[in-house]
Structures are given as structure tokens and as C-alpha cells.
Amino acid sequence: MRRFELHRDQDVTGISGVGVVAEGVVFSDGTTVVRWIVGDHQSTVIWRGVESVEAIHGHGGATQIVWVD
């Protein structure tokens, strides 16, 4: 299991703001869980892998995955 945070330098959508916007974990089978910790629409989302998270939420480099572990 490996933890990460999503660090957003620019809020492309105008929804989540900047800074640490989500926390996540990648399990040993690749399953990835993201917990959005800011804004009015906090949620928990399960993804097939961290690559999907980056593809959807990376916004061309405006958001980085920063590994905690």
C-alpha cells in the first residue's frame, strides 16, 4: 500500500482550489482510492489504477501526484 496527495498548482475547473486537494492510496493490486478533501463536493472515488487518476485530474501538469510513502 502506498499513500499520495494531489497537489494542485492551478485550479483549471474552478472547483477544488489550489494546494493539497486530495489524499489517496494505491493498494498492492493497483486499485487506487482518492479522497477529495476540499470544496463543497468532497467525495471518495475508486479507480482501476493511479494512471487513470493522473489522466483525468492531472490537467496537463496543473496537478501533481506527490508520494507520501
PDB file of N, CA and C in Angstrom:
ATOM      1  N   MET A   1       0.857  -1.174   0.000  1.00  0.00           N
ATOM      2  CA  MET A   1       0.000   0.000   0.000  1.00  0.00           C
ATOM      3  C   MET A   1       0.899   1.232   0.000  1.00  0.00           C
ATOM      4  N   ARG A   2       0.531   2.235  -0.804  1.00  0.00           N
ATOM      5  CA  ARG A   2       1.337   3.447  -0.917  1.00  0.00           C
ATOM      6  C   ARG A   2       0.420   4.668  -0.934  1.00  0.00           C
ATOM      7  N   ARG A   3       0.729   5.643  -0.087  1.00  0.00           N
ATOM      8  CA  ARG A   3      -0.111   6.848   0.021  1.00  0.00           C
ATOM      9  C   ARG A   3       0.429   7.974  -0.850  1.00  0.00           C
ATOM     10  N   PHE A   4      -0.503   8.852  -1.277  1.00  0.00           N
ATOM     11  CA  PHE A   4      -0.121  10.031  -2.053  1.00  0.00           C
ATOM     12  C   PHE A   4      -1.083  11.176  -1.761  1.00  0.00           C
ATOM     13  N   GLU A   5      -0.682  12.344  -2.221  1.00  0.00           N
ATOM     14  CA  GLU A   5      -1.551  13.527  -2.189  1.00  0.00           C
ATOM     15  C   GLU A   5      -1.610  14.102  -3.596  1.00  0.00           C
ATOM     16  N   LEU A   6      -2.711  14.747  -3.922  1.00  0.00           N
ATOM     17  CA  LEU A   6      -2.805  15.507  -5.163  1.00  0.00           C
ATOM     18  C   LEU A   6      -2.544  16.965  -4.823  1.00  0.00           C
ATOM     19  N   HIS A   7      -1.485  17.513  -5.409  1.00  0.00           N
ATOM     20  CA  HIS A   7      -1.121  18.921  -5.214  1.00  0.00           C
ATOM     21  C   HIS A   7      -1.493  19.677  -6.480  1.00  0.00           C
ATOM     22  N   ARG A   8      -2.323  20.674  -6.331  1.00  0.00           N
ATOM     23  CA  ARG A   8      -2.803  21.434  -7.481  1.00  0.00           C
ATOM     24  C   ARG A   8      -2.185  22.822  -7.464  1.00  0.00           C
ATOM     25  N   ASP A   9      -1.452  23.153  -8.531  1.00  0.00           N
ATOM     26  CA  ASP A   9      -0.841  24.478  -8.689  1.00  0.00           C
ATOM     27  C   ASP A   9      -1.812  25.479  -9.297  1.00  0.00           C
ATOM     28  N   GLN A  10      -2.695  24.968 -10.131  1.00  0.00           N
ATOM     29  CA  GLN A  10      -3.675  25.813 -10.820  1.00  0.00           C
ATOM     30  C   GLN A  10      -5.008  25.076 -10.820  1.00  0.00           C
ATOM     31  N   ASP A  11      -6.084  25.774 -10.463  1.00  0.00           N
ATOM     32  CA  ASP A  11      -7.409  25.172 -10.447  1.00  0.00           C
ATOM     33  C   ASP A  11      -8.079  25.404 -11.796  1.00  0.00           C
ATOM     34  N   VAL A  12      -7.869  24.482 -12.707  1.00  0.00           N
ATOM     35  CA  VAL A  12      -8.361  24.611 -14.074  1.00  0.00           C
ATOM     36  C   VAL A  12      -9.880  24.692 -14.128  1.00  0.00           C
ATOM     37  N   THR A  13     -10.573  23.942 -13.275  1.00  0.00           N
ATOM     38  CA  THR A  13     -12.034  23.880 -13.316  1.00  0.00           C
ATOM     39  C   THR A  13     -12.716  24.914 -12.418  1.00  0.00           C
ATOM     40  N   GLY A  14     -11.961  25.511 -11.488  1.00  0.00           N
ATOM     41  CA  GLY A  14     -12.549  26.475 -10.567  1.00  0.00           C
ATOM     42  C   GLY A  14     -13.361  25.838  -9.458  1.00  0.00           C
ATOM     43  N   ILE A  15     -13.129  24.555  -9.186  1.00  0.00           N
ATOM     44  CA  ILE A  15     -13.930  23.842  -8.187  1.00  0.00           C
ATOM     45  C   ILE A  15     -13.153  23.529  -6.915  1.00  0.00           C
ATOM     46  N   SER A  16     -11.934  23.036  -7.053  1.00  0.00           N
ATOM     47  CA  SER A  16     -11.232  22.492  -5.883  1.00  0.00           C
ATOM     48  C   SER A  16     -10.196  23.419  -5.273  1.00  0.00           C
ATOM     49  N   GLY A  17      -9.823  24.469  -5.941  1.00  0.00           N
ATOM     50  CA  GLY A  17      -8.802  25.362  -5.411  1.00  0.00           C
ATOM     51  C   GLY A  17      -7.404  24.844  -5.680  1.00  0.00           C
ATOM     52  N   VAL A  18      -6.427  25.393  -4.966  1.00  0.00           N
ATOM     53  CA  VAL A  18      -5.030  25.015  -5.146  1.00  0.00           C
ATOM     54  C   VAL A  18      -4.473  24.458  -3.838  1.00  0.00           C
ATOM     55  N   GLY A  19      -3.283  23.880  -3.913  1.00  0.00           N
ATOM     56  CA  GLY A  19      -2.665  23.244  -2.756  1.00  0.00           C
ATOM     57  C   GLY A  19      -3.010  21.765  -2.726  1.00  0.00           C
ATOM     58  N   VAL A  20      -3.001  21.168  -1.549  1.00  0.00           N
ATOM     59  CA  VAL A  20      -3.367  19.754  -1.401  1.00  0.00           C
ATOM     60  C   VAL A  20      -4.884  19.659  -1.482  1.00  0.00           C
ATOM     61  N   VAL A  21      -5.369  19.000  -2.521  1.00  0.00           N
ATOM     62  CA  VAL A  21      -6.817  18.919  -2.739  1.00  0.00           C
ATOM     63  C   VAL A  21      -7.383  17.525  -2.495  1.00  0.00           C
ATOM     64  N   ALA A  22      -6.506  16.514  -2.464  1.00  0.00           N
ATOM     65  CA  ALA A  22      -6.984  15.144  -2.265  1.00  0.00           C
ATOM     66  C   ALA A  22      -5.878  14.291  -1.665  1.00  0.00           C
ATOM     67  N   GLU A  23      -6.314  13.229  -0.996  1.00  0.00           N
ATOM     68  CA  GLU A  23      -5.406  12.224  -0.451  1.00  0.00           C
ATOM     69  C   GLU A  23      -5.760  10.898  -1.109  1.00  0.00           C
ATOM     70  N   GLY A  24      -4.763  10.042  -1.250  1.00  0.00           N
ATOM     71  CA  GLY A  24      -5.059   8.780  -1.887  1.00  0.00           C
ATOM     72  C   GLY A  24      -4.169   7.661  -1.436  1.00  0.00           C
ATOM     73  N   VAL A  25      -4.549   6.470  -1.882  1.00  0.00           N
ATOM     74  CA  VAL A  25      -3.766   5.274  -1.594  1.00  0.00           C
ATOM     75  C   VAL A  25      -3.857   4.347  -2.799  1.00  0.00           C
ATOM     76  N   VAL A  26      -2.721   3.703  -3.099  1.00  0.00           N
ATOM     77  CA  VAL A  26      -2.677   2.669  -4.130  1.00  0.00           C
ATOM     78  C   VAL A  26      -2.445   1.348  -3.408  1.00  0.00           C
ATOM     79  N   PHE A  27      -3.360   0.405  -3.593  1.00  0.00           N
ATOM     80  CA  PHE A  27      -3.250  -0.895  -2.957  1.00  0.00           C
ATOM     81  C   PHE A  27      -2.338  -1.807  -3.777  1.00  0.00           C
ATOM     82  N   SER A  28      -1.952  -2.929  -3.198  1.00  0.00           N
ATOM     83  CA  SER A  28      -0.982  -3.824  -3.827  1.00  0.00           C
ATOM     84  C   SER A  28      -1.446  -4.362  -5.181  1.00  0.00           C
ATOM     85  N   ASP A  29      -2.758  -4.417  -5.428  1.00  0.00           N
ATOM     86  CA  ASP A  29      -3.250  -4.891  -6.727  1.00  0.00           C
ATOM     87  C   ASP A  29      -3.430  -3.756  -7.732  1.00  0.00           C
ATOM     88  N   GLY A  30      -3.036  -2.532  -7.354  1.00  0.00           N
ATOM     89  CA  GLY A  30      -3.142  -1.382  -8.245  1.00  0.00           C
ATOM     90  C   GLY A  30      -4.381  -0.535  -8.034  1.00  0.00           C
ATOM     91  N   THR A  31      -5.397  -1.084  -7.382  1.00  0.00           N
ATOM     92  CA  THR A  31      -6.609  -0.315  -7.101  1.00  0.00           C
ATOM     93  C   THR A  31      -6.227   0.962  -6.363  1.00  0.00           C
ATOM     94  N   THR A  32      -6.798   2.075  -6.799  1.00  0.00           N
ATOM     95  CA  THR A  32      -6.437   3.382  -6.263  1.00  0.00           C
ATOM     96  C   THR A  32      -7.687   4.077  -5.732  1.00  0.00           C
ATOM     97  N   VAL A  33      -7.596   4.604  -4.520  1.00  0.00           N
ATOM     98  CA  VAL A  33      -8.704   5.319  -3.901  1.00  0.00           C
ATOM     99  C   VAL A  33      -8.268   6.761  -3.673  1.00  0.00           C
ATOM    100  N   VAL A  34      -9.119   7.694  -4.078  1.00  0.00           N
ATOM    101  CA  VAL A  34      -8.847   9.130  -3.907  1.00  0.00           C
ATOM    102  C   VAL A  34      -9.950   9.731  -3.049  1.00  0.00           C
ATOM    103  N   ARG A  35      -9.556  10.479  -2.033  1.00  0.00           N
ATOM    104  CA  ARG A  35     -10.486  11.202  -1.165  1.00  0.00           C
ATOM    105  C   ARG A  35     -10.274  12.686  -1.371  1.00  0.00           C
ATOM    106  N   TRP A  36     -11.264  13.354  -1.977  1.00  0.00           N
ATOM    107  CA  TRP A  36     -11.217  14.806  -2.175  1.00  0.00           C
ATOM    108  C   TRP A  36     -11.517  15.470  -0.839  1.00  0.00           C
ATOM    109  N   ILE A  37     -10.618  16.336  -0.372  1.00  0.00           N
ATOM    110  CA  ILE A  37     -10.694  16.872   0.984  1.00  0.00           C
ATOM    111  C   ILE A  37     -11.029  18.361   1.027  1.00  0.00           C
ATOM    112  N   VAL A  38     -11.287  18.968  -0.107  1.00  0.00           N
ATOM    113  CA  VAL A  38     -11.592  20.406  -0.148  1.00  0.00           C
ATOM    114  C   VAL A  38     -12.891  20.658  -0.909  1.00  0.00           C
ATOM    115  N   GLY A  39     -13.417  21.852  -0.745  1.00  0.00           N
ATOM    116  CA  GLY A  39     -14.581  22.272  -1.512  1.00  0.00           C
ATOM    117  C   GLY A  39     -15.897  21.762  -0.962  1.00  0.00           C
ATOM    118  N   ASP A  40     -16.951  22.097  -1.675  1.00  0.00           N
ATOM    119  CA  ASP A  40     -18.303  21.724  -1.276  1.00  0.00           C
ATOM    120  C   ASP A  40     -18.687  20.316  -1.711  1.00  0.00           C
ATOM    121  N   HIS A  41     -17.862  19.696  -2.549  1.00  0.00           N
ATOM    122  CA  HIS A  41     -18.220  18.397  -3.127  1.00  0.00           C
ATOM    123  C   HIS A  41     -17.185  17.337  -2.775  1.00  0.00           C
ATOM    124  N   GLN A  42     -16.894  17.189  -1.485  1.00  0.00           N
ATOM    125  CA  GLN A  42     -15.941  16.178  -1.050  1.00  0.00           C
ATOM    126  C   GLN A  42     -16.494  14.793  -1.389  1.00  0.00           C
ATOM    127  N   SER A  43     -15.589  13.917  -1.811  1.00  0.00           N
ATOM    128  CA  SER A  43     -16.034  12.585  -2.216  1.00  0.00           C
ATOM    129  C   SER A  43     -14.886  11.603  -2.129  1.00  0.00           C
ATOM    130  N   THR A  44     -15.228  10.332  -2.237  1.00  0.00           N
ATOM    131  CA  THR A  44     -14.253   9.253  -2.288  1.00  0.00           C
ATOM    132  C   THR A  44     -14.512   8.475  -3.563  1.00  0.00           C
ATOM    133  N   VAL A  45     -13.444   8.255  -4.348  1.00  0.00           N
ATOM    134  CA  VAL A  45     -13.587   7.628  -5.659  1.00  0.00           C
ATOM    135  C   VAL A  45     -12.591   6.470  -5.769  1.00  0.00           C
ATOM    136  N   ILE A  46     -13.038   5.361  -6.343  1.00  0.00           N
ATOM    137  CA  ILE A  46     -12.180   4.203  -6.551  1.00  0.00           C
ATOM    138  C   ILE A  46     -11.850   4.109  -8.041  1.00  0.00           C
ATOM    139  N   TRP A  47     -10.550   3.954  -8.343  1.00  0.00           N
ATOM    140  CA  TRP A  47     -10.059   3.877  -9.719  1.00  0.00           C
ATOM    141  C   TRP A  47      -9.342   2.552  -9.934  1.00  0.00           C
ATOM    142  N   ARG A  48      -9.230   2.148 -11.175  1.00  0.00           N
ATOM    143  CA  ARG A  48      -8.512   0.925 -11.528  1.00  0.00           C
ATOM    144  C   ARG A  48      -7.018   1.062 -11.242  1.00  0.00           C
ATOM    145  N   GLY A  49      -6.470   2.265 -11.426  1.00  0.00           N
ATOM    146  CA  GLY A  49      -5.053   2.499 -11.189  1.00  0.00           C
ATOM    147  C   GLY A  49      -4.746   3.981 -11.102  1.00  0.00           C
ATOM    148  N   VAL A  50      -3.576   4.311 -10.587  1.00  0.00           N
ATOM    149  CA  VAL A  50      -3.180   5.704 -10.410  1.00  0.00           C
ATOM    150  C   VAL A  50      -3.029   6.415 -11.756  1.00  0.00           C
ATOM    151  N   GLU A  51      -2.766   5.664 -12.813  1.00  0.00           N
ATOM    152  CA  GLU A  51      -2.654   6.258 -14.153  1.00  0.00           C
ATOM    153  C   GLU A  51      -3.971   6.920 -14.574  1.00  0.00           C
ATOM    154  N   SER A  52      -5.083   6.312 -14.190  1.00  0.00           N
ATOM    155  CA  SER A  52      -6.390   6.896 -14.502  1.00  0.00           C
ATOM    156  C   SER A  52      -6.605   8.199 -13.750  1.00  0.00           C
ATOM    157  N   VAL A  53      -6.175   8.237 -12.496  1.00  0.00           N
ATOM    158  CA  VAL A  53      -6.295   9.462 -11.698  1.00  0.00           C
ATOM    159  C   VAL A  53      -5.523  10.586 -12.361  1.00  0.00           C
ATOM    160  N   GLU A  54      -4.300  10.296 -12.769  1.00  0.00           N
ATOM    161  CA  GLU A  54      -3.468  11.315 -13.411  1.00  0.00           C
ATOM    162  C   GLU A  54      -4.055  11.760 -14.748  1.00  0.00           C
ATOM    163  N   ALA A  55      -4.582  10.822 -15.526  1.00  0.00           N
ATOM    164  CA  ALA A  55      -5.161  11.153 -16.828  1.00  0.00           C
ATOM    165  C   ALA A  55      -6.368  12.074 -16.697  1.00  0.00           C
ATOM    166  N   ILE A  56      -7.210  11.830 -15.698  1.00  0.00           N
ATOM    167  CA  ILE A  56      -8.438  12.602 -15.523  1.00  0.00           C
ATOM    168  C   ILE A  56      -8.202  13.900 -14.767  1.00  0.00           C
ATOM    169  N   HIS A  57      -7.382  13.862 -13.718  1.00  0.00           N
ATOM    170  CA  HIS A  57      -7.257  15.013 -12.824  1.00  0.00           C
ATOM    171  C   HIS A  57      -5.935  15.766 -12.932  1.00  0.00           C
ATOM    172  N   GLY A  58      -5.022  15.300 -13.774  1.00  0.00           N
ATOM    173  CA  GLY A  58      -3.725  15.951 -13.915  1.00  0.00           C
ATOM    174  C   GLY A  58      -3.780  17.294 -14.606  1.00  0.00           C
ATOM    175  N   HIS A  59      -4.768  17.497 -15.466  1.00  0.00           N
ATOM    176  CA  HIS A  59      -4.968  18.763 -16.180  1.00  0.00           C
ATOM    177  C   HIS A  59      -3.675  19.266 -16.808  1.00  0.00           C
ATOM    178  N   GLY A  60      -3.000  18.368 -17.524  1.00  0.00           N
ATOM    179  CA  GLY A  60      -1.814  18.765 -18.267  1.00  0.00           C
ATOM    180  C   GLY A  60      -0.670  19.261 -17.399  1.00  0.00           C
ATOM    181  N   GLY A  61      -0.554  18.751 -16.194  1.00  0.00           N
ATOM    182  CA  GLY A  61       0.530  19.146 -15.298  1.00  0.00           C
ATOM    183  C   GLY A  61       0.133  20.130 -14.222  1.00  0.00           C
ATOM    184  N   ALA A  62      -1.118  20.601 -14.223  1.00  0.00           N
ATOM    185  CA  ALA A  62      -1.578  21.543 -13.199  1.00  0.00           C
ATOM    186  C   ALA A  62      -1.752  20.870 -11.841  1.00  0.00           C
ATOM    187  N   THR A  63      -1.862  19.542 -11.847  1.00  0.00           N
ATOM    188  CA  THR A  63      -1.990  18.766 -10.606  1.00  0.00           C
ATOM    189  C   THR A  63      -0.938  17.672 -10.624  1.00  0.00           C
ATOM    190  N   GLN A  64      -0.204  17.533  -9.515  1.00  0.00           N
ATOM    191  CA  GLN A  64       0.826  16.511  -9.420  1.00  0.00           C
ATOM    192  C   GLN A  64       0.467  15.491  -8.347  1.00  0.00           C
ATOM    193  N   ILE A  65       0.861  14.243  -8.611  1.00  0.00           N
ATOM    194  CA  ILE A  65       0.779  13.197  -7.599  1.00  0.00           C
ATOM    195  C   ILE A  65       2.079  13.270  -6.809  1.00  0.00           C
ATOM    196  N   VAL A  66       1.956  13.495  -5.514  1.00  0.00           N
ATOM    197  CA  VAL A  66       3.122  13.570  -4.623  1.00  0.00           C
ATOM    198  C   VAL A  66       3.036  12.398  -3.663  1.00  0.00           C
ATOM    199  N   TRP A  67       4.031  11.513  -3.753  1.00  0.00           N
ATOM    200  CA  TRP A  67       4.020  10.309  -2.924  1.00  0.00           C
ATOM    201  C   TRP A  67       4.406  10.633  -1.498  1.00  0.00           C
ATOM    202  N   VAL A  68       3.621  10.148  -0.544  1.00  0.00           N
ATOM    203  CA  VAL A  68       3.862  10.333   0.879  1.00  0.00           C
ATOM    204  C   VAL A  68       4.749   9.196   1.394  1.00  0.00           C
ATOM    205  N   ASP A  69       4.482   7.986   0.919  1.00  0.00           N
ATOM    206  CA  ASP A  69       5.262   6.800   1.323  1.00  0.00           C
ATOM    207  C   ASP A  69       6.188   6.393   0.186  1.00  0.00           C
TER     208      ASP A  69
END
